[in-house]
């Protein structure tokens, strides 16, 4: 158990309204409204030297990615801002926030600000509100035999973080993938009525696939070599170790979903990476056969 899972288990006892979906999903569903809230903290979700405009972009994008996974169109956001004593940084953050909101076509509706104690890490929260016009998929709903797909690529952000933090060298496009993720709103809306279960990939493909399977009451089998990697990522490695690193890295904000039916009329081409199975747990294979599970499947808040 971790600090995060312990807290969620306690909160589920009081989140009894149907809109909360038992806190087993990434968003609340209240009629045709979809609501989500994510926080990002310096040193946890972004680096101290990340440009403030990129931090603002990421704050918006990670929340809108949750709406994308529900097939909801964003209609507004509210921010929570932990102010520091660096007015230039704060001003650059606001400019970046404006840029992100314009690019993603979503208005700022309000929020709150607080002054952080001296030396405290910067911390930001954002509530995103969306509207769904049809089925609002959850993590649950998958069934044995459903195909498992990914829309988007996996592992770019993990490589970008390693490059940005000086652990390795690589192309700037991977750093951009880490600092400025792109929520797949159009894809999510196109998929919503075709999927049995859907979520975004934020903490790592393997851990999120297992969460989807657990919520659906089934197991999941994944072909490691079917996981979609970008050309930039492939140039940095395509062996089993590289693919496991990609599959356990976070911050991708791809869409992970299941379907029993052929997909149609999509703005892109998702990649089938496996299927839901009767045997509980996560089962990995590649061309050499069974792949032992890594010690960590993805990101968890420890405690």
Protein backbone atom coordinates (compact mmCIF):
# COMPACT_ATOMS: atom_id res chain seq x y z
CA UNK A 1 0.00 0.00 0.00
CA UNK A 2 1.06 3.61 -0.52
CA UNK A 3 0.09 6.96 0.95
CA UNK A 4 -1.97 7.65 -2.17
CA UNK A 5 -3.91 4.39 -2.18
CA UNK A 6 -4.53 4.58 1.59
CA UNK A 7 -5.99 8.08 1.24
CA UNK A 8 -8.14 7.13 -1.74
CA UNK A 9 -9.51 4.12 0.11
CA UNK A 10 -10.50 6.40 3.02
CA UNK A 11 -12.06 9.01 0.71
CA UNK A 12 -14.18 6.42 -1.08
CA UNK A 13 -16.12 5.96 2.13
CA UNK A 14 -17.45 9.51 1.91
CA UNK A 15 -17.61 9.99 -1.89
CA UNK A 16 -21.00 8.29 -2.14
CA UNK A 17 -22.68 10.55 -4.71
CA UNK A 18 -23.20 8.70 -8.03
CA UNK A 19 -21.33 11.48 -9.87
CA UNK A 20 -18.14 10.47 -8.04
CA UNK A 21 -18.14 7.03 -9.69
CA UNK A 22 -16.76 5.61 -6.45
CA UNK A 23 -13.51 7.55 -7.02
CA UNK A 24 -12.54 4.71 -9.38
CA UNK A 25 -12.28 6.98 -12.41
CA UNK A 26 -10.41 10.12 -13.47
CA UNK A 27 -13.42 12.44 -13.47
CA UNK A 28 -16.84 13.03 -11.98
CA UNK A 29 -19.93 12.87 -14.20
CA UNK A 30 -22.84 15.12 -13.24
CA UNK A 31 -25.52 14.92 -15.91
CA UNK A 32 -23.82 15.93 -19.14
CA UNK A 33 -21.02 17.72 -17.25
CA UNK A 34 -17.64 16.09 -16.68
CA UNK A 35 -15.42 17.54 -13.95
CA UNK A 36 -11.81 16.76 -13.12
CA UNK A 37 -9.08 18.24 -10.94
CA UNK A 38 -5.33 17.61 -11.09
CA UNK A 39 -2.43 19.24 -9.28
CA UNK A 40 1.18 19.64 -10.33
CA UNK A 41 4.01 20.29 -7.86
CA UNK A 42 7.58 21.45 -8.48
CA UNK A 43 10.04 18.62 -8.04
CA UNK A 44 7.31 16.02 -8.53
CA UNK A 45 5.55 16.84 -11.80
CA UNK A 46 7.90 19.45 -13.24
CA UNK A 47 11.54 20.44 -12.82
CA UNK A 48 12.57 23.63 -10.98
CA UNK A 49 14.21 24.88 -14.19
CA UNK A 50 11.27 24.13 -16.48
CA UNK A 51 10.10 27.36 -18.16
CA UNK A 52 7.07 28.82 -16.35
CA UNK A 53 5.09 29.00 -19.61
CA UNK A 54 5.61 25.26 -20.05
CA UNK A 55 4.48 24.61 -16.46
CA UNK A 56 1.25 26.51 -17.20
CA UNK A 57 0.76 24.57 -20.44
CA UNK A 58 1.20 21.26 -18.64
CA UNK A 59 -1.26 22.26 -15.92
CA UNK A 60 -3.98 22.82 -18.50
CA UNK A 61 -3.08 19.86 -20.71
CA UNK A 62 -3.07 17.18 -18.01
CA UNK A 63 -6.54 18.15 -16.89
CA UNK A 64 -7.95 18.37 -20.40
CA UNK A 65 -6.51 14.92 -21.06
CA UNK A 66 -8.85 13.56 -18.37
CA UNK A 67 -11.76 15.17 -20.22
CA UNK A 68 -10.54 13.63 -23.48
CA UNK A 69 -10.71 10.18 -21.87
CA UNK A 70 -14.37 10.83 -21.05
CA UNK A 71 -15.23 12.05 -24.55
CA UNK A 72 -15.98 15.53 -23.18
CA UNK A 73 -15.39 18.90 -24.83
CA UNK A 74 -13.77 21.44 -22.46
CA UNK A 75 -16.01 24.38 -21.55
CA UNK A 76 -14.00 26.07 -18.79
CA UNK A 77 -11.29 25.84 -16.12
CA UNK A 78 -10.65 27.19 -12.62
CA UNK A 79 -7.12 27.52 -11.28
CA UNK A 80 -5.48 27.26 -7.89
CA UNK A 81 -2.12 29.04 -7.81
CA UNK A 82 0.57 28.88 -5.14
CA UNK A 83 2.35 32.22 -5.52
CA UNK A 84 6.07 32.57 -4.83
CA UNK A 85 8.10 35.73 -4.27
CA UNK A 86 9.37 35.74 -7.89
CA UNK A 87 7.19 38.21 -9.80
CA UNK A 88 8.94 37.58 -13.12
CA UNK A 89 8.28 33.83 -12.87
CA UNK A 90 4.66 34.46 -11.92
CA UNK A 91 4.18 36.84 -14.86
CA UNK A 92 5.69 34.35 -17.30
CA UNK A 93 3.41 31.65 -15.90
CA UNK A 94 0.34 33.83 -16.54
CA UNK A 95 1.49 34.51 -20.12
CA UNK A 96 1.95 30.78 -20.64
CA UNK A 97 -1.45 30.06 -19.15
CA UNK A 98 -3.03 32.51 -21.58
CA UNK A 99 -1.23 30.85 -24.48
CA UNK A 100 -2.34 27.39 -23.42
CA UNK A 101 -5.96 28.40 -22.93
CA UNK A 102 -6.08 30.08 -26.34
CA UNK A 103 -4.46 27.09 -28.05
CA UNK A 104 -6.81 24.59 -26.40
CA UNK A 105 -9.84 26.86 -26.84
CA UNK A 106 -10.99 26.85 -23.24
CA UNK A 107 -11.82 29.90 -21.06
CA UNK A 108 -10.55 30.67 -17.59
CA UNK A 109 -13.60 31.02 -15.31
CA UNK A 110 -11.99 31.73 -11.95
CA UNK A 111 -10.02 30.12 -9.13
CA UNK A 112 -7.94 31.07 -6.13
CA UNK A 113 -4.40 32.13 -5.20
CA UNK A 114 -2.37 31.62 -2.04
CA UNK A 115 1.08 32.80 -0.95
CA UNK A 116 3.47 29.89 -0.46
CA UNK A 117 5.89 29.80 2.51
CA UNK A 118 9.43 30.85 1.64
CA UNK A 119 11.31 27.95 0.09
CA UNK A 120 8.18 25.87 -0.54
CA UNK A 121 7.87 24.22 -3.96
CA UNK A 122 5.58 25.84 -6.49
CA UNK A 123 2.19 24.14 -6.55
CA UNK A 124 -0.76 24.52 -8.90
CA UNK A 125 -4.19 22.96 -9.25
CA UNK A 126 -6.74 23.20 -12.00
CA UNK A 127 -10.37 22.11 -12.25
CA UNK A 128 -11.51 21.43 -15.80
CA UNK A 129 -15.17 21.28 -16.77
CA UNK A 130 -16.34 19.56 -19.93
CA UNK A 131 -19.57 18.63 -21.60
CA UNK A 132 -20.32 15.20 -23.04
CA UNK A 133 -22.96 14.62 -25.71
CA UNK A 134 -23.08 10.83 -25.53
CA UNK A 135 -21.64 7.90 -23.61
CA UNK A 136 -19.08 8.85 -20.95
CA UNK A 137 -16.69 5.90 -20.73
CA UNK A 138 -15.06 4.89 -17.46
CA UNK A 139 -12.14 2.66 -16.54
CA UNK A 140 -14.68 -0.08 -15.90
CA UNK A 141 -16.76 -1.71 -18.63
CA UNK A 142 -14.14 -3.86 -20.31
CA UNK A 143 -14.81 -7.57 -20.82
CA UNK A 144 -12.74 -10.66 -21.52
CA UNK A 145 -11.82 -10.70 -25.21
CA UNK A 146 -12.02 -6.93 -25.73
CA UNK A 147 -9.07 -5.60 -27.70
CA UNK A 148 -6.77 -3.12 -25.93
CA UNK A 149 -5.63 -0.05 -27.87
CA UNK A 150 -3.43 3.01 -27.46
CA UNK A 151 -4.07 6.29 -29.29
CA UNK A 152 -0.89 8.38 -29.26
CA UNK A 153 2.67 7.33 -28.47
CA UNK A 154 4.26 5.96 -25.32
CA UNK A 155 7.57 6.87 -23.69
CA UNK A 156 8.40 10.23 -25.26
CA UNK A 157 7.76 12.17 -22.05
CA UNK A 158 9.90 9.82 -19.98
CA UNK A 159 12.80 10.31 -22.38
CA UNK A 160 12.14 14.04 -22.42
CA UNK A 161 12.34 14.18 -18.63
CA UNK A 162 15.65 12.29 -18.69
CA UNK A 163 17.02 14.73 -21.28
CA UNK A 164 15.73 17.83 -19.47
CA UNK A 165 17.21 16.65 -16.16
CA UNK A 166 20.63 15.97 -17.73
CA UNK A 167 20.56 12.18 -17.47
CA UNK A 168 20.99 11.68 -21.22
CA UNK A 169 21.13 13.57 -24.50
CA UNK A 170 18.46 13.52 -27.16
CA UNK A 171 16.30 15.60 -29.48
CA UNK A 172 14.41 18.68 -28.29
CA UNK A 173 11.11 17.22 -29.52
CA UNK A 174 11.21 14.70 -26.68
CA UNK A 175 11.69 17.47 -24.11
CA UNK A 176 8.70 19.22 -25.67
CA UNK A 177 6.66 16.02 -25.28
CA UNK A 178 7.45 16.07 -21.55
CA UNK A 179 6.88 19.78 -21.00
CA UNK A 180 3.98 20.38 -23.40
CA UNK A 181 1.73 17.31 -23.69
CA UNK A 182 -1.15 17.44 -26.16
CA UNK A 183 -4.53 16.25 -24.87
CA UNK A 184 -6.30 14.11 -27.47
CA UNK A 185 -9.68 15.82 -27.22
CA UNK A 186 -10.80 15.14 -30.79
CA UNK A 187 -9.79 11.49 -30.60
CA UNK A 188 -11.50 11.04 -27.22
CA UNK A 189 -14.77 12.48 -28.51
CA UNK A 190 -14.62 10.25 -31.60
CA UNK A 191 -13.96 7.15 -29.47
CA UNK A 192 -16.41 7.72 -26.62
CA UNK A 193 -19.34 5.85 -28.18
CA UNK A 194 -17.15 3.01 -29.51
CA UNK A 195 -15.23 1.91 -26.42
CA UNK A 196 -16.06 -0.34 -23.51
CA UNK A 197 -13.53 1.35 -21.19
CA UNK A 198 -11.14 4.29 -21.56
CA UNK A 199 -8.63 6.35 -19.56
CA UNK A 200 -5.60 8.46 -20.29
CA UNK A 201 -2.05 7.26 -19.68
CA UNK A 202 -0.59 9.53 -17.03
CA UNK A 203 1.32 7.32 -14.57
CA UNK A 204 2.73 4.79 -17.05
CA UNK A 205 1.16 2.44 -19.57
CA UNK A 206 1.60 -0.75 -17.54
CA UNK A 207 0.24 0.57 -14.26
CA UNK A 208 -2.66 2.31 -16.00
CA UNK A 209 -3.52 -0.78 -18.05
CA UNK A 210 -3.63 -2.80 -14.84
CA UNK A 211 -5.89 -0.16 -13.26
CA UNK A 212 -8.27 -0.38 -16.21
CA UNK A 213 -8.29 -4.18 -16.02
CA UNK A 214 -8.84 -4.20 -12.26
CA UNK A 215 -11.73 -1.73 -12.56
CA UNK A 216 -13.27 -4.00 -15.20
CA UNK A 217 -12.77 -7.14 -13.09
CA UNK A 218 -10.50 -8.86 -15.61
CA UNK A 219 -6.83 -9.31 -16.48
CA UNK A 220 -4.84 -7.74 -19.30
CA UNK A 221 -2.30 -9.16 -21.75
CA UNK A 222 0.05 -6.76 -23.56
CA UNK A 223 2.49 -7.33 -26.42
CA UNK A 224 5.45 -5.14 -25.50
CA UNK A 225 6.52 -4.86 -29.14
CA UNK A 226 3.11 -3.55 -30.22
CA UNK A 227 3.33 -0.49 -27.98
CA UNK A 228 3.55 2.58 -30.25
CA UNK A 229 6.84 4.47 -29.95
CA UNK A 230 7.75 7.62 -31.85
CA UNK A 231 10.56 7.69 -34.41
CA UNK A 232 12.58 9.86 -32.04
CA UNK A 233 12.18 7.31 -29.24
CA UNK A 234 13.03 4.39 -31.50
CA UNK A 235 16.31 6.06 -32.48
CA UNK A 236 17.30 5.94 -28.80
CA UNK A 237 16.54 2.24 -28.36
CA UNK A 238 14.10 -0.51 -29.33
CA UNK A 239 15.16 -3.50 -27.24
CA UNK A 240 13.17 -5.02 -24.39
CA UNK A 241 14.76 -2.75 -21.78
CA UNK A 242 13.97 0.39 -23.79
CA UNK A 243 10.37 -0.67 -24.30
CA UNK A 244 9.93 -1.47 -20.61
CA UNK A 245 11.27 1.99 -19.75
CA UNK A 246 8.77 3.53 -22.13
CA UNK A 247 5.89 1.43 -20.78
CA UNK A 248 6.59 2.42 -17.16
CA UNK A 249 7.29 6.12 -17.75
CA UNK A 250 4.56 8.62 -17.01
CA UNK A 251 3.29 11.87 -18.53
CA UNK A 252 2.39 10.47 -21.95
CA UNK A 253 -1.31 11.47 -21.92
CA UNK A 254 -2.11 9.00 -24.67
CA UNK A 255 -5.53 7.34 -24.56
CA UNK A 256 -5.82 3.72 -23.44
CA UNK A 257 -9.07 1.98 -24.30
CA UNK A 258 -10.84 -1.29 -25.01
CA UNK A 259 -13.38 -2.27 -27.62
CA UNK A 260 -15.11 -5.43 -28.76
CA UNK A 261 -16.01 -3.89 -32.13
CA UNK A 262 -14.06 -2.58 -35.13
CA UNK A 263 -13.20 1.10 -34.83
CA UNK A 264 -14.50 3.62 -37.37
CA UNK A 265 -14.31 7.27 -38.40
CA UNK A 266 -11.37 8.26 -36.21
CA UNK A 267 -9.05 11.27 -36.61
CA UNK A 268 -6.01 8.98 -36.27
CA UNK A 269 -5.07 5.31 -36.15
CA UNK A 270 -4.87 3.76 -32.67
CA UNK A 271 -2.54 0.80 -32.18
CA UNK A 272 -3.80 -2.50 -30.83
CA UNK A 273 -1.42 -3.63 -28.07
CA UNK A 274 -3.23 -6.55 -26.46
CA UNK A 275 -6.53 -7.65 -24.99
CA UNK A 276 -8.44 -8.23 -21.79
CA UNK A 277 -8.20 -11.80 -20.46
CA UNK A 278 -9.79 -13.92 -17.77
CA UNK A 279 -6.59 -14.49 -15.76
CA UNK A 280 -6.24 -11.64 -13.24
CA UNK A 281 -3.27 -9.31 -13.34
CA UNK A 282 -0.91 -8.04 -16.03
CA UNK A 283 0.69 -10.40 -18.55
CA UNK A 284 3.53 -9.19 -20.79
CA UNK A 285 5.02 -10.85 -23.86
CA UNK A 286 7.34 -10.00 -26.75
CA UNK A 287 8.79 -12.02 -29.62
CA UNK A 288 10.95 -13.98 -27.17
CA UNK A 289 7.93 -15.00 -25.12
CA UNK A 290 7.01 -14.17 -21.53
CA UNK A 291 8.37 -10.88 -20.16
CA UNK A 292 8.87 -10.69 -16.37
CA UNK A 293 7.12 -7.70 -14.86
CA UNK A 294 9.40 -4.84 -13.75
CA UNK A 295 9.56 -4.03 -10.04
CA UNK A 296 7.69 -0.78 -10.68
CA UNK A 297 4.88 -0.64 -13.24
CA UNK A 298 4.70 3.16 -13.19
CA UNK A 299 4.36 6.16 -10.91
CA UNK A 300 2.83 5.93 -7.45
CA UNK A 301 2.87 8.58 -4.72
CA UNK A 302 4.83 6.80 -2.00
CA UNK A 303 4.40 7.25 1.72
